[in-house]
Protein backbone atom coordinates (compact mmCIF):
# COMPACT_ATOMS: atom_id res chain seq x y z
CA MET A 1 -18.77 -121.49 -55.97
CA LYS A 2 -17.95 -117.85 -55.24
CA VAL A 3 -14.74 -116.89 -53.43
CA ILE A 4 -15.19 -116.40 -49.67
CA LYS A 5 -12.69 -114.25 -47.75
CA HIS A 6 -13.14 -114.82 -44.01
CA LEU A 7 -10.85 -112.27 -42.33
CA GLY A 8 -11.78 -113.36 -38.81
CA LYS A 9 -10.03 -116.71 -39.31
CA GLU A 10 -6.67 -114.95 -39.21
CA ASN A 11 -5.03 -113.74 -36.00
CA SER A 12 -5.05 -109.95 -36.26
CA ILE A 13 -6.24 -106.79 -34.54
CA PHE A 14 -9.29 -107.03 -36.80
CA ASN A 15 -10.83 -109.53 -34.36
CA ASN A 16 -10.58 -106.99 -31.55
CA PHE A 17 -12.89 -104.72 -33.53
CA ILE A 18 -15.30 -107.59 -34.20
CA SER A 19 -15.35 -108.53 -30.51
CA GLU A 20 -16.15 -104.95 -29.49
CA ILE A 21 -19.13 -104.57 -31.84
CA ARG A 22 -20.44 -107.86 -30.39
CA SER A 23 -19.87 -106.96 -26.73
CA GLU A 24 -23.13 -106.13 -24.94
CA ASN A 25 -21.34 -103.69 -22.64
CA ILE A 26 -19.11 -101.93 -25.16
CA GLN A 27 -21.83 -101.53 -27.80
CA LYS A 28 -23.86 -99.37 -25.39
CA ASP A 29 -21.59 -96.53 -26.54
CA SER A 30 -23.00 -95.64 -29.97
CA LEU A 31 -19.98 -93.53 -30.89
CA ARG A 32 -17.61 -96.39 -30.14
CA PHE A 33 -19.84 -98.84 -32.02
CA ARG A 34 -19.82 -96.63 -35.11
CA ARG A 35 -16.07 -96.13 -34.93
CA ASN A 36 -15.41 -99.85 -34.56
CA MET A 37 -17.63 -100.57 -37.55
CA GLU A 38 -15.75 -97.88 -39.44
CA ARG A 39 -12.40 -99.47 -38.56
CA ILE A 40 -13.71 -102.83 -39.76
CA GLY A 41 -14.56 -101.15 -43.07
CA GLU A 42 -11.05 -99.74 -43.29
CA VAL A 43 -9.52 -103.21 -42.88
CA PHE A 44 -11.84 -104.62 -45.55
CA ALA A 45 -10.89 -101.78 -47.92
CA TYR A 46 -7.18 -102.44 -47.42
CA GLU A 47 -7.60 -106.17 -48.08
CA ILE A 48 -9.81 -105.61 -51.14
CA SER A 49 -7.27 -103.17 -52.57
CA LYS A 50 -4.74 -106.01 -52.77
CA VAL A 51 -6.77 -107.80 -55.45
CA MET A 52 -7.53 -104.72 -57.57
CA GLU A 53 -5.68 -103.57 -60.68
CA PHE A 54 -2.71 -101.20 -60.40
CA LYS A 55 -0.64 -99.18 -62.86
CA ASN A 56 2.82 -97.60 -62.80
CA GLU A 57 2.99 -93.84 -62.37
CA GLU A 58 5.84 -91.38 -61.93
CA ILE A 59 5.44 -89.12 -58.90
CA THR A 60 7.52 -85.96 -58.73
CA THR A 61 8.97 -85.33 -55.26
CA PRO A 62 10.96 -82.24 -54.15
CA LEU A 63 14.13 -84.26 -54.80
CA GLY A 64 13.34 -86.34 -57.85
CA ILE A 65 11.03 -88.93 -59.41
CA SER A 66 9.47 -91.90 -57.60
CA ASN A 67 7.97 -94.78 -59.59
CA MET A 68 4.81 -95.93 -57.82
CA LYS A 69 2.09 -98.51 -58.40
CA LEU A 70 -1.29 -96.83 -57.98
CA LEU A 71 -4.90 -97.94 -58.45
CA SER A 72 -5.85 -98.09 -62.13
CA SER A 73 -9.40 -96.93 -61.43
CA GLN A 74 -11.63 -96.07 -58.51
CA PRO A 75 -14.42 -98.43 -57.39
CA VAL A 76 -18.07 -97.67 -56.77
CA LEU A 77 -18.95 -98.02 -53.08
CA ALA A 78 -22.53 -98.97 -52.26
CA THR A 79 -24.35 -99.61 -49.01
CA ILE A 80 -27.80 -100.24 -47.58
CA LEU A 81 -29.33 -97.49 -45.42
CA ARG A 82 -29.22 -96.88 -42.50
CA ALA A 83 -27.20 -99.60 -40.80
CA GLY A 84 -24.55 -99.73 -43.51
CA LEU A 85 -23.34 -96.14 -43.16
CA PRO A 86 -20.49 -96.62 -40.62
CA LEU A 87 -19.08 -99.65 -42.46
CA HIS A 88 -19.40 -97.76 -45.75
CA GLN A 89 -17.60 -94.75 -44.26
CA GLY A 90 -14.66 -96.94 -43.25
CA ILE A 91 -14.33 -98.26 -46.80
CA LEU A 92 -14.67 -94.71 -48.14
CA ASN A 93 -11.88 -93.52 -45.82
CA TYR A 94 -9.46 -95.63 -47.88
CA PHE A 95 -11.10 -95.41 -51.32
CA ASP A 96 -11.54 -91.69 -50.81
CA LYS A 97 -11.92 -90.84 -54.49
CA ALA A 98 -14.61 -93.47 -55.13
CA ASP A 99 -18.11 -92.82 -56.41
CA ASN A 100 -20.89 -93.81 -54.02
CA ALA A 101 -24.30 -95.46 -54.15
CA PHE A 102 -27.01 -95.73 -51.49
CA ILE A 103 -29.95 -98.13 -51.35
CA SER A 104 -32.85 -97.95 -48.91
CA ALA A 105 -34.31 -101.36 -48.01
CA PHE A 106 -36.73 -102.42 -45.30
CA ARG A 107 -38.52 -105.47 -43.94
CA LYS A 108 -42.25 -105.45 -44.70
CA HIS A 109 -43.88 -107.58 -42.00
CA TYR A 110 -47.11 -109.55 -42.29
CA ILE A 111 -49.65 -110.67 -39.68
CA ASP A 112 -48.43 -114.28 -39.79
CA GLY A 113 -44.96 -113.17 -38.68
CA SER A 114 -43.34 -113.50 -42.09
CA PHE A 115 -41.70 -110.62 -43.93
CA GLU A 116 -40.20 -109.68 -47.24
CA ILE A 117 -37.41 -107.27 -48.17
CA GLN A 118 -38.46 -104.29 -50.23
CA ILE A 119 -36.26 -101.71 -51.92
CA ASP A 120 -37.55 -98.18 -51.37
CA TYR A 121 -34.92 -95.92 -52.96
CA MET A 122 -31.58 -95.92 -54.79
CA SER A 123 -29.08 -93.23 -55.71
CA ALA A 124 -26.14 -94.55 -57.74
CA PRO A 125 -23.74 -93.79 -60.59
CA VAL A 126 -23.28 -96.00 -63.66
CA VAL A 127 -21.48 -99.20 -62.59
CA THR A 128 -20.78 -100.68 -66.03
CA ASP A 129 -17.31 -102.32 -66.16
CA ARG A 130 -16.39 -100.94 -62.76
CA VAL A 131 -15.42 -102.63 -59.52
CA LEU A 132 -18.41 -102.51 -57.17
CA ILE A 133 -18.07 -102.85 -53.38
CA LEU A 134 -21.46 -103.44 -51.76
CA SER A 135 -21.43 -103.44 -47.95
CA ASP A 136 -23.95 -104.22 -45.22
CA PRO A 137 -22.87 -104.92 -41.62
CA MET A 138 -25.00 -108.07 -41.28
CA LEU A 139 -25.55 -110.80 -43.87
CA ALA A 140 -28.44 -112.72 -42.29
CA THR A 141 -30.68 -114.30 -44.94
CA GLY A 142 -28.70 -112.65 -47.73
CA LYS A 143 -31.86 -111.30 -49.36
CA SER A 144 -31.23 -107.61 -48.64
CA MET A 145 -27.75 -107.80 -50.14
CA TYR A 146 -28.96 -109.66 -53.21
CA LEU A 147 -31.91 -107.34 -53.87
CA ALA A 148 -29.65 -104.30 -53.45
CA TYR A 149 -27.27 -105.85 -55.99
CA LEU A 150 -30.13 -106.42 -58.45
CA GLU A 151 -31.17 -102.79 -58.03
CA LEU A 152 -27.63 -101.64 -58.83
CA LEU A 153 -27.65 -103.74 -62.00
CA ASN A 154 -30.21 -101.27 -63.36
CA ASN A 155 -27.20 -98.93 -63.70
CA GLY A 156 -25.02 -101.43 -65.59
CA LYS A 157 -23.04 -104.62 -65.12
CA PRO A 158 -19.96 -104.36 -62.86
CA LYS A 159 -16.61 -105.84 -63.85
CA HIS A 160 -16.34 -107.48 -60.42
CA THR A 161 -18.42 -107.15 -57.24
CA HIS A 162 -17.13 -107.41 -53.67
CA PHE A 163 -19.83 -108.12 -51.08
CA VAL A 164 -18.76 -107.03 -47.59
CA SER A 165 -20.31 -107.88 -44.20
CA ALA A 166 -18.89 -107.65 -40.70
CA ILE A 167 -20.89 -110.69 -39.52
CA ALA A 168 -22.61 -113.26 -41.72
CA SER A 169 -24.69 -116.37 -41.21
CA SER A 170 -23.71 -119.53 -43.04
CA GLN A 171 -27.25 -119.60 -44.51
CA GLY A 172 -26.86 -116.07 -45.85
CA ILE A 173 -23.59 -116.93 -47.54
CA GLU A 174 -25.10 -120.05 -49.11
CA TYR A 175 -28.10 -118.05 -50.35
CA LEU A 176 -25.90 -115.36 -51.88
CA GLN A 177 -23.69 -117.96 -53.54
CA SER A 178 -26.66 -119.74 -55.08
CA LYS A 179 -28.14 -116.52 -56.43
CA LEU A 180 -24.91 -115.05 -57.78
CA SER A 181 -23.63 -117.96 -59.86
CA PRO A 182 -21.91 -117.35 -62.31
CA THR A 183 -21.42 -113.69 -61.32
CA LYS A 184 -17.82 -112.50 -60.93
CA CYS A 185 -17.72 -111.67 -57.25
CA THR A 186 -15.99 -112.12 -53.91
CA ILE A 187 -17.74 -112.34 -50.54
CA TRP A 188 -15.80 -110.75 -47.65
CA VAL A 189 -16.87 -111.42 -44.05
CA GLY A 190 -15.43 -110.73 -40.63
CA ALA A 191 -17.15 -113.62 -38.81
CA ILE A 192 -19.49 -116.45 -39.75
CA ASP A 193 -22.21 -117.57 -37.31
CA GLU A 194 -24.22 -120.74 -37.80
CA GLU A 195 -27.65 -119.87 -36.38
CA LEU A 196 -30.56 -117.69 -37.47
CA THR A 197 -33.59 -117.03 -35.25
CA ALA A 198 -37.17 -117.40 -36.48
CA GLN A 199 -37.09 -113.63 -37.08
CA SER A 200 -33.91 -114.07 -39.19
CA TYR A 201 -31.48 -112.49 -36.76
CA ILE A 202 -27.96 -113.90 -36.55
CA VAL A 203 -26.98 -115.77 -33.36
CA PRO A 204 -24.75 -114.89 -31.55
CA GLY A 205 -24.49 -111.96 -33.95
CA LEU A 206 -24.62 -108.54 -32.28
CA GLY A 207 -28.22 -107.35 -32.36
CA ASP A 208 -29.60 -104.61 -34.61
CA ALA A 209 -26.65 -102.76 -36.16
CA GLY A 210 -28.77 -99.76 -37.18
CA ASP A 211 -30.17 -99.28 -33.68
CA LEU A 212 -26.74 -99.68 -32.10
CA ALA A 213 -25.25 -97.07 -34.41
CA TYR A 214 -28.06 -94.51 -34.51
CA GLY A 215 -30.60 -95.25 -31.76
CA LEU A 216 -33.86 -97.16 -31.52
CA LYS A 217 -36.46 -96.81 -34.23
CA THR A 218 -40.22 -96.96 -33.72
CA SER A 219 -40.79 -99.76 -36.23
CA ASP A 220 -38.71 -102.30 -38.19
């Protein structure tokens, strides 16, 4: 079983940000929605940093030398376009020297109502032996996250992968766990909801994160 970090189980200001991206009234403000998603990413970045490797360095100040523990290496930050951009930006605000990767994925719908996830584009650095942080605001079925991860593996095998979602379904987490074994990874979520609709949307969830952040699109 992969490690699950459920930040929403703890009493913290983090849950205020989660409640605001869920709120039907507050999420009408796209700027506020993006900023809240960004703040959620910042909290995730801070928590992830606690389990990364650090090294001792001497920092020269105007009055002397300070011995500090600093990150040993920078991670690679990856996200799925377009919905993942605000969450990704929040993580990047803290890992501000990180390399970045972007994957374009979409749902291809069929007449019978079914769909499949297809990867359309990727831009990424080499990820071999590096810490990879792959974020997507919603982990519904888990298929988009997993396919994006497989695409990134074309650029090498990470040392450890952190999967990050603001809101996840229990089914999505189970799917990701089953597909990733025995991959070295941690799954970070802000909230876990139990229900998926027939169209694979999380309930109560928050709706379409991409539309809320950037406006309605003409097709899925």
